[in-house]
Amino acid sequence: MPIAHGFLPLRAALAAALTLAVIGCATPDNRTPQERAADQVIVRQIEAALIADPYLDSDHVTVEVTRGVVRLSGLVGDDVDLRRVLRICSAVPGVRGVNNQLEIIDFSGPGAGGEGPTH
């Protein structure tokens, strides 16, 4: 089947755009080894503090740190848990800021996964 002349350049342009999008999403880690080590210490301290809190289920919380800025993602059960996680993170030495991307989900709702995320 012959390829239409206009289709081939469009296909090449789409492939190039997709390649650039994938490359653009992969940001290089240009931190020094000392910065990476300091960030890992903060991650471990935050994770330990979250686990140590007897009133908090932090199994679904992911902690990432870049140059002292904490990025929280995942799920918490309610607004009280959300505020508790933010308070714990902010209290860890070396934390310069917190980027909260946590979602609140009702884990006790009907069905296996609750009713879904709420904001």
Protein backbone atom coordinates (compact mmCIF):
# COMPACT_ATOMS: atom_id res chain seq x y z
CA MET A 1 0.00 0.00 0.00
CA PRO A 2 1.58 3.32 -1.01
CA ILE A 3 2.17 5.95 1.67
CA ALA A 4 0.65 9.35 1.03
CA HIS A 5 3.27 12.07 0.74
CA GLY A 6 1.75 14.20 3.52
CA PHE A 7 1.51 11.33 6.00
CA LEU A 8 5.22 10.49 6.25
CA PRO A 9 6.38 13.97 7.39
CA LEU A 10 3.51 14.12 9.88
CA ARG A 11 4.48 10.73 11.27
CA ALA A 12 8.13 11.80 11.58
CA ALA A 13 7.09 15.04 13.30
CA LEU A 14 4.94 13.13 15.79
CA ALA A 15 7.78 10.70 16.52
CA ALA A 16 10.19 13.61 17.09
CA ALA A 17 7.70 15.37 19.40
CA LEU A 18 7.22 12.19 21.42
CA THR A 19 10.97 11.71 21.74
CA LEU A 20 11.44 15.29 22.95
CA ALA A 21 8.60 14.90 25.46
CA VAL A 22 10.16 11.76 26.93
CA ILE A 23 13.61 13.37 27.10
CA GLY A 24 12.12 16.52 28.65
CA CYS A 25 10.48 14.51 31.44
CA ALA A 26 13.75 12.89 32.46
CA THR A 27 15.39 15.66 34.44
CA PRO A 28 19.03 15.05 35.28
CA ASP A 29 20.03 14.85 38.92
CA ASN A 30 22.67 17.55 39.14
CA ARG A 31 22.98 17.43 42.94
CA THR A 32 26.39 16.87 44.45
CA PRO A 33 27.02 13.60 46.30
CA GLN A 34 26.84 15.57 49.56
CA GLU A 35 23.44 17.02 48.62
CA ARG A 36 22.11 13.57 47.67
CA ALA A 37 23.37 12.14 50.98
CA ALA A 38 21.81 15.00 52.97
CA ASP A 39 18.51 14.52 51.13
CA GLN A 40 18.56 10.77 51.90
CA VAL A 41 19.09 11.52 55.60
CA ILE A 42 16.01 13.77 55.52
CA VAL A 43 13.98 11.06 53.73
CA ARG A 44 14.95 8.48 56.36
CA GLN A 45 14.15 10.87 59.23
CA ILE A 46 10.75 11.75 57.78
CA GLU A 47 9.86 8.12 57.07
CA ALA A 48 10.91 7.10 60.60
CA ALA A 49 8.85 9.92 62.13
CA LEU A 50 5.79 8.99 60.06
CA ILE A 51 6.06 5.33 61.05
CA ALA A 52 6.58 6.25 64.72
CA ASP A 53 3.33 8.23 64.88
CA PRO A 54 0.80 5.82 66.45
CA TYR A 55 -2.20 7.70 65.04
CA LEU A 56 -1.04 7.82 61.43
CA ASP A 57 -1.18 5.21 58.68
CA SER A 58 1.62 6.32 56.36
CA ASP A 59 1.81 3.13 54.29
CA HIS A 60 0.59 4.99 51.21
CA VAL A 61 2.80 8.10 51.56
CA THR A 62 5.88 8.51 49.37
CA VAL A 63 8.62 10.92 50.44
CA GLU A 64 11.17 12.39 48.03
CA VAL A 65 13.65 15.16 48.88
CA THR A 66 15.67 17.38 46.55
CA ARG A 67 17.97 19.94 48.12
CA GLY A 68 15.91 19.97 51.30
CA VAL A 69 12.54 20.39 49.55
CA VAL A 70 10.21 17.51 50.39
CA ARG A 71 7.78 16.17 47.80
CA LEU A 72 4.93 14.17 49.32
CA SER A 73 2.77 11.98 47.12
CA GLY A 74 0.31 9.19 47.75
CA LEU A 75 -2.78 8.83 49.89
CA VAL A 76 -3.94 9.71 53.39
CA GLY A 77 -7.22 8.88 55.11
CA ASP A 78 -8.47 12.36 56.00
CA ASP A 79 -7.60 16.01 56.49
CA VAL A 80 -6.29 15.34 60.01
CA ASP A 81 -3.78 12.82 58.63
CA LEU A 82 -2.79 15.26 55.89
CA ARG A 83 -2.05 18.02 58.41
CA ARG A 84 -0.21 15.55 60.65
CA VAL A 85 2.07 14.44 57.77
CA LEU A 86 2.79 18.06 56.83
CA ARG A 87 3.58 18.95 60.45
CA ILE A 88 5.92 15.97 60.85
CA CYS A 89 7.78 16.79 57.64
CA SER A 90 8.19 20.45 58.49
CA ALA A 91 9.68 19.59 61.89
CA VAL A 92 12.57 17.55 60.45
CA PRO A 93 15.88 19.45 60.49
CA GLY A 94 17.09 20.44 57.03
CA VAL A 95 13.63 20.65 55.44
CA ARG A 96 13.44 23.87 53.44
CA GLY A 97 9.94 23.40 52.07
CA VAL A 98 7.18 20.87 51.46
CA ASN A 99 5.52 20.24 48.10
CA ASN A 100 2.26 18.53 49.06
CA GLN A 101 0.79 16.29 46.37
CA LEU A 102 -1.05 13.98 48.77
CA GLU A 103 -4.62 12.97 48.08
CA ILE A 104 -7.28 12.26 50.69
CA ILE A 105 -9.14 9.00 50.19
CA ASP A 106 -11.71 7.34 52.41
CA PHE A 107 -10.13 3.95 53.09
CA SER A 108 -13.17 2.84 55.09
CA GLY A 109 -15.75 3.56 52.37
CA PRO A 110 -17.77 0.96 50.46
CA GLY A 111 -15.87 -1.37 48.16
CA ALA A 112 -12.25 -2.42 48.29
CA GLY A 113 -10.73 0.97 47.61
CA GLY A 114 -13.17 3.35 49.26
CA GLU A 115 -15.02 5.97 47.28
CA GLY A 116 -11.97 7.44 45.57
CA PRO A 117 -9.75 10.46 46.01
CA THR A 118 -11.16 13.71 47.30
CA HIS A 119 -9.48 17.10 47.49
